[in-house]
Amino acid sequence: RCLGFQFTPAIRPCLQTIAIGLVAFGENYRRHQSGIGVAASSFFTSGKYAIDPELRGAEFERITQNLDVHFWKTFWNITETEVLSSLASMTSTPVKVNRALSVPPVPFDLPLAANHRASVTIAPPSAHIGTAPVQMRLISCDLREGQDSETLLSLSRSEGGAISLSLGLKTKRLPSSPCLLIHFHGGGFVAQTSKS
């Protein structure tokens, strides 16, 4: 009953839907081997949690205190299954550019904004495992100049299945945008890919 009390009332139904899905998924988790089997069974058992907040609360407490990281990975990776990703692509507007990239760990020079003749060298990121390629995703509502360049194509990595950028030759390329959003989504680094 108190779930999401600190948020605006408009978001509470969404949080309750996730909670209902979570507890129904948790009830069926040990019975099935595949994530899609659990999801299908959960759909049929979710009704009792939707109408009984006390039962939902007790099950939510049990799940959050007793289940391991494999449960959480399976639950959050449900969106990665073919069935749900196909459903999402049918119900939402797909972006025109959605390409996975692997940028090699090499330094590069970046011109200074104050003085374009001067530059600073950006070293490749390094962690406890040493330097490695940076995995990233280019997402754009519209195809813009340079997003289908040979340089960018050389950085593309295969994800299997359909090609990330499926555009005809007649697609109009818009000019470069003055805006760029870079999103570093860490979370727990245990579930979902940047595709989700």
N, C-alpha and C. Protein backbone atom coordinates (compact mmCIF):
# COMPACT_ATOMS: atom_id res chain seq x y z
N ARG A 1 0.82 -1.21 0.00
CA ARG A 1 0.00 0.00 0.00
C ARG A 1 0.85 1.25 0.00
N CYS A 2 2.02 1.15 0.58
CA CYS A 2 2.89 2.33 0.67
C CYS A 2 3.85 2.44 -0.50
N LEU A 3 3.77 1.51 -1.43
CA LEU A 3 4.73 1.51 -2.54
C LEU A 3 4.63 2.80 -3.34
N GLY A 4 5.73 3.48 -3.46
CA GLY A 4 5.79 4.69 -4.27
C GLY A 4 5.10 5.89 -3.65
N PHE A 5 4.87 5.87 -2.32
CA PHE A 5 4.17 6.99 -1.68
C PHE A 5 4.92 8.31 -1.84
N GLN A 6 6.25 8.23 -2.03
CA GLN A 6 7.04 9.46 -2.13
C GLN A 6 7.00 10.05 -3.54
N PHE A 7 6.42 9.33 -4.49
CA PHE A 7 6.35 9.81 -5.87
C PHE A 7 4.99 10.45 -6.15
N THR A 8 4.91 11.13 -7.26
CA THR A 8 3.65 11.73 -7.68
C THR A 8 2.62 10.62 -7.92
N PRO A 9 1.34 10.86 -7.65
CA PRO A 9 0.32 9.82 -7.82
C PRO A 9 0.27 9.24 -9.24
N ALA A 10 0.68 10.01 -10.24
CA ALA A 10 0.62 9.53 -11.62
C ALA A 10 1.53 8.33 -11.87
N ILE A 11 2.62 8.19 -11.12
CA ILE A 11 3.56 7.10 -11.37
C ILE A 11 3.25 5.86 -10.53
N ARG A 12 2.39 5.99 -9.52
CA ARG A 12 2.10 4.86 -8.64
C ARG A 12 1.49 3.65 -9.35
N PRO A 13 0.55 3.83 -10.29
CA PRO A 13 0.03 2.65 -11.00
C PRO A 13 1.13 1.87 -11.73
N CYS A 14 2.09 2.59 -12.29
CA CYS A 14 3.21 1.92 -12.99
C CYS A 14 4.03 1.11 -11.99
N LEU A 15 4.33 1.70 -10.82
CA LEU A 15 5.11 0.99 -9.80
C LEU A 15 4.34 -0.21 -9.27
N GLN A 16 3.02 -0.06 -9.10
CA GLN A 16 2.21 -1.18 -8.63
C GLN A 16 2.18 -2.31 -9.65
N THR A 17 2.14 -1.95 -10.93
CA THR A 17 2.16 -2.97 -11.98
C THR A 17 3.47 -3.75 -11.94
N ILE A 18 4.59 -3.04 -11.75
CA ILE A 18 5.89 -3.72 -11.64
C ILE A 18 5.91 -4.62 -10.41
N ALA A 19 5.36 -4.13 -9.29
CA ALA A 19 5.34 -4.93 -8.06
C ALA A 19 4.48 -6.17 -8.23
N ILE A 20 3.32 -6.04 -8.87
CA ILE A 20 2.45 -7.19 -9.11
C ILE A 20 3.17 -8.20 -10.00
N GLY A 21 3.83 -7.69 -11.05
CA GLY A 21 4.61 -8.58 -11.92
C GLY A 21 5.73 -9.26 -11.18
N LEU A 22 6.38 -8.53 -10.30
CA LEU A 22 7.50 -9.07 -9.53
C LEU A 22 7.07 -10.20 -8.61
N VAL A 23 5.98 -9.99 -7.87
CA VAL A 23 5.56 -11.03 -6.92
C VAL A 23 4.99 -12.25 -7.65
N ALA A 24 4.27 -12.02 -8.74
CA ALA A 24 3.76 -13.16 -9.52
C ALA A 24 4.92 -13.92 -10.14
N PHE A 25 5.91 -13.21 -10.62
CA PHE A 25 7.10 -13.83 -11.20
C PHE A 25 7.84 -14.63 -10.13
N GLY A 26 7.96 -14.06 -8.92
CA GLY A 26 8.64 -14.74 -7.82
C GLY A 26 7.96 -16.02 -7.42
N GLU A 27 6.63 -16.04 -7.44
CA GLU A 27 5.88 -17.25 -7.08
C GLU A 27 6.16 -18.39 -8.06
N ASN A 28 6.33 -18.05 -9.33
CA ASN A 28 6.51 -19.07 -10.37
C ASN A 28 7.97 -19.34 -10.72
N TYR A 29 8.88 -18.58 -10.12
CA TYR A 29 10.29 -18.64 -10.50
C TYR A 29 10.91 -20.02 -10.31
N ARG A 30 10.65 -20.68 -9.21
CA ARG A 30 11.27 -21.97 -8.91
C ARG A 30 10.65 -23.12 -9.71
N ARG A 31 9.47 -22.92 -10.27
CA ARG A 31 8.77 -24.01 -10.97
C ARG A 31 9.18 -24.19 -12.43
N HIS A 32 9.74 -23.14 -13.02
CA HIS A 32 10.04 -23.18 -14.46
C HIS A 32 11.52 -22.92 -14.72
N GLN A 33 11.99 -23.48 -15.83
CA GLN A 33 13.40 -23.32 -16.19
C GLN A 33 13.65 -22.06 -17.01
N SER A 34 12.73 -21.73 -17.88
CA SER A 34 12.96 -20.59 -18.77
C SER A 34 12.25 -19.35 -18.26
N GLY A 35 12.82 -18.20 -18.58
CA GLY A 35 12.22 -16.94 -18.19
C GLY A 35 10.86 -16.73 -18.81
N ILE A 36 10.67 -17.18 -20.06
CA ILE A 36 9.39 -16.98 -20.74
C ILE A 36 8.32 -17.87 -20.13
N GLY A 37 8.72 -19.07 -19.63
CA GLY A 37 7.77 -19.95 -18.94
C GLY A 37 7.29 -19.33 -17.65
N VAL A 38 8.22 -18.72 -16.93
CA VAL A 38 7.87 -18.03 -15.69
C VAL A 38 6.95 -16.86 -16.00
N ALA A 39 7.26 -16.12 -17.05
CA ALA A 39 6.45 -14.95 -17.41
C ALA A 39 5.03 -15.36 -17.77
N ALA A 40 4.89 -16.46 -18.52
CA ALA A 40 3.56 -16.91 -18.91
C ALA A 40 2.75 -17.34 -17.70
N SER A 41 3.35 -18.11 -16.80
CA SER A 41 2.65 -18.54 -15.58
C SER A 41 2.33 -17.35 -14.69
N SER A 42 3.23 -16.40 -14.64
CA SER A 42 3.04 -15.22 -13.79
C SER A 42 1.84 -14.40 -14.25
N PHE A 43 1.63 -14.37 -15.55
CA PHE A 43 0.51 -13.61 -16.10
C PHE A 43 -0.81 -14.13 -15.53
N PHE A 44 -0.92 -15.46 -15.40
CA PHE A 44 -2.16 -16.07 -14.93
C PHE A 44 -2.34 -15.98 -13.41
N THR A 45 -1.24 -15.86 -12.67
CA THR A 45 -1.35 -15.80 -11.21
C THR A 45 -1.31 -14.37 -10.67
N SER A 46 -1.14 -13.39 -11.54
CA SER A 46 -0.99 -12.01 -11.08
C SER A 46 -2.29 -11.40 -10.57
N GLY A 47 -3.43 -11.95 -10.96
CA GLY A 47 -4.72 -11.38 -10.56
C GLY A 47 -4.91 -11.31 -9.06
N LYS A 48 -4.52 -12.37 -8.36
CA LYS A 48 -4.72 -12.37 -6.90
C LYS A 48 -3.89 -11.29 -6.21
N TYR A 49 -2.71 -10.97 -6.78
CA TYR A 49 -1.88 -9.92 -6.20
C TYR A 49 -2.40 -8.53 -6.56
N ALA A 50 -3.10 -8.44 -7.67
CA ALA A 50 -3.66 -7.15 -8.08
C ALA A 50 -4.81 -6.73 -7.17
N ILE A 51 -5.61 -7.71 -6.69
CA ILE A 51 -6.78 -7.36 -5.89
C ILE A 51 -6.52 -7.42 -4.38
N ASP A 52 -5.41 -8.03 -3.95
CA ASP A 52 -5.13 -8.16 -2.52
C ASP A 52 -3.78 -7.53 -2.18
N PRO A 53 -3.77 -6.26 -1.73
CA PRO A 53 -2.51 -5.59 -1.42
C PRO A 53 -1.76 -6.20 -0.24
N GLU A 54 -2.50 -6.82 0.71
CA GLU A 54 -1.84 -7.45 1.85
C GLU A 54 -1.03 -8.66 1.40
N LEU A 55 -1.62 -9.48 0.54
CA LEU A 55 -0.93 -10.65 0.00
C LEU A 55 0.27 -10.21 -0.84
N ARG A 56 0.05 -9.17 -1.64
CA ARG A 56 1.13 -8.63 -2.47
C ARG A 56 2.28 -8.13 -1.60
N GLY A 57 1.97 -7.44 -0.50
CA GLY A 57 3.01 -6.93 0.40
C GLY A 57 3.81 -8.03 1.05
N ALA A 58 3.12 -9.09 1.50
CA ALA A 58 3.82 -10.21 2.15
C ALA A 58 4.74 -10.92 1.17
N GLU A 59 4.26 -11.13 -0.05
CA GLU A 59 5.08 -11.80 -1.06
C GLU A 59 6.24 -10.92 -1.50
N PHE A 60 5.99 -9.61 -1.59
CA PHE A 60 7.05 -8.67 -1.97
C PHE A 60 8.17 -8.71 -0.93
N GLU A 61 7.79 -8.75 0.34
CA GLU A 61 8.79 -8.82 1.41
C GLU A 61 9.59 -10.12 1.33
N ARG A 62 8.89 -11.24 1.10
CA ARG A 62 9.58 -12.53 1.00
C ARG A 62 10.59 -12.53 -0.15
N ILE A 63 10.18 -12.00 -1.29
CA ILE A 63 11.05 -12.00 -2.46
C ILE A 63 12.27 -11.12 -2.25
N THR A 64 12.04 -9.91 -1.77
CA THR A 64 13.16 -8.98 -1.64
C THR A 64 14.16 -9.40 -0.57
N GLN A 65 13.74 -10.25 0.36
CA GLN A 65 14.64 -10.68 1.43
C GLN A 65 15.29 -12.04 1.18
N ASN A 66 14.71 -12.86 0.32
CA ASN A 66 15.18 -14.24 0.22
C ASN A 66 15.75 -14.68 -1.13
N LEU A 67 15.39 -14.02 -2.21
CA LEU A 67 15.84 -14.52 -3.51
C LEU A 67 17.19 -13.93 -3.90
N ASP A 68 17.92 -14.69 -4.70
CA ASP A 68 19.30 -14.33 -5.05
C ASP A 68 19.38 -13.50 -6.32
N VAL A 69 20.60 -13.17 -6.70
CA VAL A 69 20.83 -12.32 -7.87
C VAL A 69 20.37 -12.98 -9.16
N HIS A 70 20.35 -14.32 -9.21
CA HIS A 70 19.88 -15.00 -10.42
C HIS A 70 18.40 -14.73 -10.68
N PHE A 71 17.63 -14.63 -9.59
CA PHE A 71 16.22 -14.28 -9.74
C PHE A 71 16.08 -12.89 -10.35
N TRP A 72 16.84 -11.93 -9.80
CA TRP A 72 16.73 -10.55 -10.28
C TRP A 72 17.18 -10.44 -11.73
N LYS A 73 18.22 -11.18 -12.09
CA LYS A 73 18.68 -11.16 -13.49
C LYS A 73 17.59 -11.71 -14.40
N THR A 74 16.97 -12.81 -14.00
CA THR A 74 15.92 -13.42 -14.81
C THR A 74 14.72 -12.48 -14.94
N PHE A 75 14.34 -11.85 -13.82
CA PHE A 75 13.19 -10.95 -13.84
C PHE A 75 13.43 -9.75 -14.75
N TRP A 76 14.56 -9.07 -14.58
CA TRP A 76 14.80 -7.87 -15.39
C TRP A 76 15.13 -8.20 -16.84
N ASN A 77 15.67 -9.39 -17.10
CA ASN A 77 16.00 -9.77 -18.48
C ASN A 77 14.80 -10.27 -19.26
N ILE A 78 13.63 -10.31 -18.64
CA ILE A 78 12.41 -10.72 -19.35
C ILE A 78 12.19 -9.82 -20.56
N THR A 79 12.58 -8.55 -20.45
CA THR A 79 12.40 -7.63 -21.59
C THR A 79 13.33 -7.96 -22.75
N GLU A 80 14.33 -8.81 -22.50
CA GLU A 80 15.28 -9.17 -23.55
C GLU A 80 14.78 -10.36 -24.39
N THR A 81 13.71 -11.03 -23.95
CA THR A 81 13.22 -12.19 -24.70
C THR A 81 12.63 -11.73 -26.02
N GLU A 82 12.63 -12.65 -26.98
CA GLU A 82 12.16 -12.31 -28.32
C GLU A 82 10.69 -11.89 -28.31
N VAL A 83 9.89 -12.60 -27.53
CA VAL A 83 8.45 -12.32 -27.51
C VAL A 83 8.18 -10.90 -27.01
N LEU A 84 8.76 -10.54 -25.87
CA LEU A 84 8.49 -9.21 -25.33
C LEU A 84 9.16 -8.10 -26.13
N SER A 85 10.34 -8.36 -26.67
CA SER A 85 10.97 -7.31 -27.48
C SER A 85 10.18 -7.09 -28.77
N SER A 86 9.60 -8.16 -29.31
CA SER A 86 8.75 -8.00 -30.50
C SER A 86 7.48 -7.23 -30.16
N LEU A 87 6.92 -7.53 -28.98
CA LEU A 87 5.72 -6.81 -28.54
C LEU A 87 6.02 -5.33 -28.35
N ALA A 88 7.18 -5.03 -27.75
CA ALA A 88 7.57 -3.64 -27.54
C ALA A 88 7.75 -2.92 -28.87
N SER A 89 8.34 -3.60 -29.85
CA SER A 89 8.56 -2.95 -31.14
C SER A 89 7.23 -2.71 -31.88
N MET A 90 6.19 -3.52 -31.58
CA MET A 90 4.89 -3.31 -32.21
C MET A 90 4.11 -2.19 -31.54
N THR A 91 4.33 -1.99 -30.23
CA THR A 91 3.52 -1.01 -29.50
C THR A 91 4.19 0.35 -29.35
N SER A 92 5.46 0.44 -29.67
CA SER A 92 6.15 1.72 -29.52
C SER A 92 6.78 2.13 -30.85
N THR A 93 7.10 3.39 -30.95
CA THR A 93 7.71 3.90 -32.17
C THR A 93 9.20 3.58 -32.16
N PRO A 94 9.68 2.82 -33.13
CA PRO A 94 11.12 2.51 -33.14
C PRO A 94 11.95 3.70 -33.59
N VAL A 95 13.16 3.78 -33.07
CA VAL A 95 14.07 4.83 -33.52
C VAL A 95 14.67 4.41 -34.85
N LYS A 96 15.09 5.37 -35.65
CA LYS A 96 15.65 5.04 -36.96
C LYS A 96 17.06 4.51 -36.84
N VAL A 97 17.83 4.99 -35.87
CA VAL A 97 19.21 4.55 -35.70
C VAL A 97 19.35 3.91 -34.32
N ASN A 98 19.73 2.66 -34.30
CA ASN A 98 19.94 1.94 -33.05
C ASN A 98 21.08 0.97 -33.31
N ARG A 99 22.29 1.44 -33.11
CA ARG A 99 23.46 0.66 -33.51
C ARG A 99 24.42 0.47 -32.35
N ALA A 100 24.81 -0.78 -32.13
CA ALA A 100 25.80 -1.11 -31.10
C ALA A 100 27.18 -0.86 -31.68
N LEU A 101 28.04 -0.19 -30.90
CA LEU A 101 29.38 0.17 -31.35
C LEU A 101 30.42 -0.34 -30.37
N SER A 102 31.58 -0.64 -30.88
CA SER A 102 32.72 -1.01 -30.05
C SER A 102 33.87 -0.08 -30.42
N VAL A 103 34.15 0.87 -29.53
CA VAL A 103 35.17 1.88 -29.81
C VAL A 103 36.51 1.39 -29.26
N PRO A 104 37.55 1.30 -30.10
CA PRO A 104 38.84 0.79 -29.64
C PRO A 104 39.49 1.71 -28.61
N PRO A 105 40.30 1.13 -27.72
CA PRO A 105 40.94 1.94 -26.67
C PRO A 105 42.18 2.67 -27.15
N VAL A 106 41.97 3.71 -27.95
CA VAL A 106 43.10 4.50 -28.45
C VAL A 106 42.89 5.96 -28.03
N PRO A 107 43.96 6.68 -27.70
CA PRO A 107 43.81 8.09 -27.33
C PRO A 107 43.43 8.94 -28.54
N PHE A 108 42.79 10.06 -28.30
CA PHE A 108 42.48 10.98 -29.39
C PHE A 108 42.59 12.41 -28.89
N ASP A 109 42.79 13.33 -29.83
CA ASP A 109 42.92 14.74 -29.49
C ASP A 109 41.57 15.44 -29.67
N LEU A 110 41.21 16.27 -28.69
CA LEU A 110 39.96 16.99 -28.71
C LEU A 110 40.27 18.48 -28.68
N PRO A 111 39.81 19.23 -29.70
CA PRO A 111 40.07 20.68 -29.70
C PRO A 111 39.39 21.36 -28.52
N LEU A 112 40.03 22.37 -27.98
CA LEU A 112 39.47 23.13 -26.87
C LEU A 112 38.40 24.08 -27.40
N ALA A 113 37.34 24.26 -26.63
CA ALA A 113 36.25 25.14 -27.05
C ALA A 113 36.72 26.60 -27.10
N ALA A 114 37.58 26.98 -26.16
CA ALA A 114 38.05 28.37 -26.08
C ALA A 114 39.07 28.71 -27.16
N ASN A 115 39.85 27.70 -27.58
CA ASN A 115 40.90 27.93 -28.57
C ASN A 115 41.01 26.69 -29.45
N HIS A 116 40.45 26.76 -30.66
CA HIS A 116 40.40 25.59 -31.54
C HIS A 116 41.78 25.17 -32.06
N ARG A 117 42.78 26.01 -31.89
CA ARG A 117 44.13 25.64 -32.32
C ARG A 117 44.81 24.74 -31.29
N ALA A 118 44.37 24.85 -30.05
CA ALA A 118 44.93 24.01 -28.98
C ALA A 118 44.02 22.80 -28.78
N SER A 119 44.59 21.72 -28.27
CA SER A 119 43.80 20.52 -28.02
C SER A 119 44.29 19.81 -26.76
N VAL A 120 43.48 18.91 -26.30
CA VAL A 120 43.85 18.08 -25.15
C VAL A 120 43.74 16.62 -25.59
N THR A 121 44.67 15.80 -25.12
CA THR A 121 44.64 14.38 -25.48
C THR A 121 43.79 13.61 -24.47
N ILE A 122 42.81 12.90 -24.98
CA ILE A 122 41.93 12.09 -24.15
C ILE A 122 42.47 10.66 -24.13
N ALA A 123 42.88 10.21 -22.96
CA ALA A 123 43.42 8.85 -22.83
C ALA A 123 42.27 7.84 -22.79
N PRO A 124 42.50 6.62 -23.27
CA PRO A 124 41.43 5.62 -23.21
C PRO A 124 41.12 5.25 -21.76
N PRO A 125 39.87 4.94 -21.45
CA PRO A 125 39.53 4.57 -20.07
C PRO A 125 40.21 3.27 -19.67
N SER A 126 40.56 3.16 -18.42
CA SER A 126 41.23 1.97 -17.92
C SER A 126 40.62 1.59 -16.58
N ALA A 127 40.46 0.30 -16.35
CA ALA A 127 39.94 -0.20 -15.08
C ALA A 127 40.93 -1.23 -14.55
N HIS A 128 40.50 -2.00 -13.56
CA HIS A 128 41.39 -2.99 -12.97
C HIS A 128 41.78 -4.09 -13.95
N ILE A 129 41.05 -4.20 -15.06
CA ILE A 129 41.37 -5.22 -16.07
C ILE A 129 42.23 -4.64 -17.19
N GLY A 130 42.56 -3.37 -17.11
CA GLY A 130 43.35 -2.73 -18.16
C GLY A 130 42.47 -2.11 -19.23
N THR A 131 43.10 -1.59 -20.26
CA THR A 131 42.32 -0.94 -21.32
C THR A 131 41.60 -1.99 -22.15
N ALA A 132 40.42 -1.63 -22.59
CA ALA A 132 39.59 -2.51 -23.42
C ALA A 132 38.67 -1.64 -24.26
N PRO A 133 38.12 -2.19 -25.33
CA PRO A 133 37.18 -1.40 -26.12
C PRO A 133 35.99 -0.95 -25.28
N VAL A 134 35.46 0.21 -25.62
CA VAL A 134 34.28 0.74 -24.94
C VAL A 134 33.05 0.33 -25.74
N GLN A 135 32.14 -0.39 -25.07
CA GLN A 135 30.91 -0.81 -25.74
C GLN A 135 29.88 0.29 -25.55
N MET A 136 29.27 0.72 -26.63
CA MET A 136 28.29 1.80 -26.54
C MET A 136 27.21 1.62 -27.59
N ARG A 137 26.20 2.45 -27.54
CA ARG A 137 25.08 2.38 -28.48
C ARG A 137 24.73 3.77 -28.98
N LEU A 138 24.60 3.90 -30.27
CA LEU A 138 24.17 5.15 -30.89
C LEU A 138 22.67 5.04 -31.15
N ILE A 139 21.92 5.92 -30.55
CA ILE A 139 20.46 5.93 -30.71
C ILE A 139 20.06 7.31 -31.22
N SER A 140 19.26 7.33 -32.27
CA SER A 140 18.80 8.61 -32.81
C SER A 140 17.41 8.44 -33.41
N CYS A 141 16.52 9.39 -33.11
CA CYS A 141 15.17 9.35 -33.69
C CYS A 141 15.22 9.48 -35.19
N ASP A 142 16.17 10.29 -35.68
CA ASP A 142 16.31 10.54 -37.11
C ASP A 142 17.73 10.20 -37.55
N LEU A 143 17.86 9.83 -38.81
CA LEU A 143 19.19 9.61 -39.36
C LEU A 143 19.80 10.97 -39.67
N ARG A 144 20.98 11.21 -39.12
CA ARG A 144 21.67 12.48 -39.33
C ARG A 144 22.97 12.25 -40.08
N GLU A 145 23.49 13.33 -40.65
CA GLU A 145 24.75 13.24 -41.40
C GLU A 145 25.83 12.63 -40.54
N GLY A 146 26.57 11.67 -41.09
CA GLY A 146 27.68 11.05 -40.39
C GLY A 146 27.31 9.78 -39.63
N GLN A 147 26.02 9.57 -39.37
CA GLN A 147 25.62 8.40 -38.60
C GLN A 147 25.68 7.11 -39.41
N ASP A 148 25.82 7.23 -40.70
CA ASP A 148 25.99 6.05 -41.55
C ASP A 148 27.32 6.10 -42.30
N SER A 149 28.29 6.82 -41.72
CA SER A 149 29.60 6.96 -42.36
C SER A 149 30.40 5.66 -42.28
N GLU A 150 31.39 5.54 -43.13
CA GLU A 150 32.25 4.36 -43.14
C GLU A 150 32.98 4.21 -41.81
N THR A 151 33.39 5.34 -41.22
CA THR A 151 34.09 5.29 -39.94
C THR A 151 33.21 4.68 -38.86
N LEU A 152 31.95 5.13 -38.82
CA LEU A 152 31.03 4.60 -37.82
C LEU A 152 30.68 3.14 -38.10
N LEU A 153 30.51 2.80 -39.37
CA LEU A 153 30.21 1.41 -39.72
C LEU A 153 31.34 0.48 -39.30
N SER A 154 32.58 0.98 -39.35
CA SER A 154 33.72 0.13 -38.95
C SER A 154 33.72 -0.16 -37.45
N LEU A 155 33.03 0.67 -36.66
CA LEU A 155 32.95 0.46 -35.21
C LEU A 155 31.75 -0.38 -34.80
N SER A 156 30.86 -0.67 -35.75
CA SER A 156 29.64 -1.41 -35.42
C SER A 156 29.98 -2.84 -35.04
N ARG A 157 29.25 -3.33 -34.03
CA ARG A 157 29.43 -4.73 -33.64
C ARG A 157 28.12 -5.47 -33.86
N SER A 158 28.24 -6.72 -34.24
CA SER A 158 27.06 -7.52 -34.55
C SER A 158 26.35 -7.92 -33.27
N GLU A 159 25.03 -7.85 -33.33
CA GLU A 159 24.21 -8.30 -32.19
C GLU A 159 23.41 -9.53 -32.57
N GLY A 160 23.57 -10.01 -33.77
CA GLY A 160 22.74 -11.11 -34.24
C GLY A 160 21.37 -10.58 -34.61
N GLY A 161 20.65 -11.33 -35.36
CA GLY A 161 19.30 -10.92 -35.75
C GLY A 161 19.34 -9.80 -36.77
N ALA A 162 18.37 -8.93 -36.67
CA ALA A 162 18.21 -7.86 -37.65
C ALA A 162 19.34 -6.84 -37.55
N ILE A 163 19.63 -6.19 -38.67
CA ILE A 163 20.65 -5.14 -38.70
C ILE A 163 20.12 -3.95 -37.91
N SER A 164 21.00 -3.34 -37.12
CA SER A 164 20.60 -2.23 -36.26
C SER A 164 20.06 -1.04 -37.05
N LEU A 165 20.65 -0.79 -38.19
CA LEU A 165 20.28 0.38 -38.98
C LEU A 165 19.64 -0.11 -40.27
N SER A 166 18.33 -0.12 -40.34
CA SER A 166 17.64 -0.63 -41.52
C SER A 166 16.98 0.54 -42.23
N LEU A 167 17.71 1.15 -43.11
CA LEU A 167 17.21 2.32 -43.82
C LEU A 167 17.43 2.16 -45.32
N GLY A 168 16.49 2.61 -46.08
CA GLY A 168 16.63 2.55 -47.52
C GLY A 168 17.59 3.60 -48.03
N LEU A 169 17.98 3.46 -49.29
CA LEU A 169 18.93 4.41 -49.87
C LEU A 169 18.33 5.80 -50.00
N LYS A 170 16.99 5.89 -50.07
CA LYS A 170 16.35 7.18 -50.29
C LYS A 170 16.08 7.93 -48.99
N THR A 171 16.47 7.36 -47.85
CA THR A 171 16.21 8.03 -46.57
C THR A 171 16.97 9.34 -46.50
N LYS A 172 16.27 10.39 -46.14
CA LYS A 172 16.87 11.71 -46.06
C LYS A 172 17.72 11.81 -44.80
N ARG A 173 18.94 12.31 -44.95
CA ARG A 173 19.83 12.53 -43.81
C ARG A 173 19.69 13.97 -43.36
N LEU A 174 19.32 14.14 -42.11
CA LEU A 174 19.20 15.49 -41.56
C LEU A 174 20.58 16.01 -41.21
N PRO A 175 20.73 17.33 -41.10
CA PRO A 175 22.05 17.87 -40.70
C PRO A 175 22.39 17.47 -39.27
N SER A 176 23.66 17.62 -38.93
CA SER A 176 24.10 17.30 -37.58
C SER A 176 23.33 18.13 -36.57
N SER A 177 23.11 17.55 -35.40
CA SER A 177 22.38 18.25 -34.34
C SER A 177 23.38 18.96 -33.44
N PRO A 178 23.03 20.14 -32.93
CA PRO A 178 23.92 20.83 -31.98
C PRO A 178 23.87 20.18 -30.59
N CYS A 179 22.94 19.24 -30.40
CA CYS A 179 22.75 18.62 -29.08
C CYS A 179 23.18 17.15 -29.10
N LEU A 180 23.69 16.70 -27.98
CA LEU A 180 24.09 15.31 -27.81
C LEU A 180 23.83 14.91 -26.38
N LEU A 181 23.17 13.81 -26.18
CA LEU A 181 22.92 13.29 -24.84
C LEU A 181 23.74 12.02 -24.66
N ILE A 182 24.56 11.99 -23.61
CA ILE A 182 25.34 10.81 -23.29
C ILE A 182 24.80 10.27 -21.98
N HIS A 183 24.36 9.02 -21.99
CA HIS A 183 23.75 8.42 -20.81
C HIS A 183 24.60 7.24 -20.34
N PHE A 184 25.12 7.33 -19.13
CA PHE A 184 25.89 6.23 -18.54
C PHE A 184 24.96 5.49 -17.58
N HIS A 185 24.40 4.38 -18.03
CA HIS A 185 23.48 3.62 -17.19
C HIS A 185 24.22 2.46 -16.57
N GLY A 186 24.49 2.57 -15.29
CA GLY A 186 25.22 1.50 -14.61
C GLY A 186 24.28 0.52 -13.96
N GLY A 187 23.44 1.01 -13.07
CA GLY A 187 22.59 0.10 -12.31
C GLY A 187 23.47 -0.88 -11.55
N GLY A 188 23.08 -2.12 -11.52
CA GLY A 188 23.88 -3.13 -10.83
C GLY A 188 24.80 -3.88 -11.77
N PHE A 189 24.78 -3.55 -13.07
CA PHE A 189 25.57 -4.25 -14.08
C PHE A 189 25.30 -5.75 -14.05
N VAL A 190 24.06 -6.15 -13.77
CA VAL A 190 23.74 -7.57 -13.71
C VAL A 190 22.66 -7.98 -14.70
N ALA A 191 21.88 -7.05 -15.17
CA ALA A 191 20.76 -7.43 -16.03
C ALA A 191 20.53 -6.41 -17.11
N GLN A 192 19.91 -6.84 -18.17
CA GLN A 192 19.53 -6.07 -19.35
C GLN A 192 20.75 -5.54 -20.10
N THR A 193 20.52 -5.29 -21.36
CA THR A 193 21.55 -4.69 -22.20
C THR A 193 21.09 -3.28 -22.56
N SER A 194 21.93 -2.55 -23.24
CA SER A 194 21.56 -1.20 -23.64
C SER A 194 20.40 -1.22 -24.64
N LYS A 195 20.16 -2.36 -25.28
CA LYS A 195 19.06 -2.45 -26.21
C LYS A 195 17.73 -2.24 -25.48
N SER A 196 17.60 -2.83 -24.30
CA SER A 196 16.37 -2.62 -23.50
C SER A 196 16.28 -1.19 -23.02
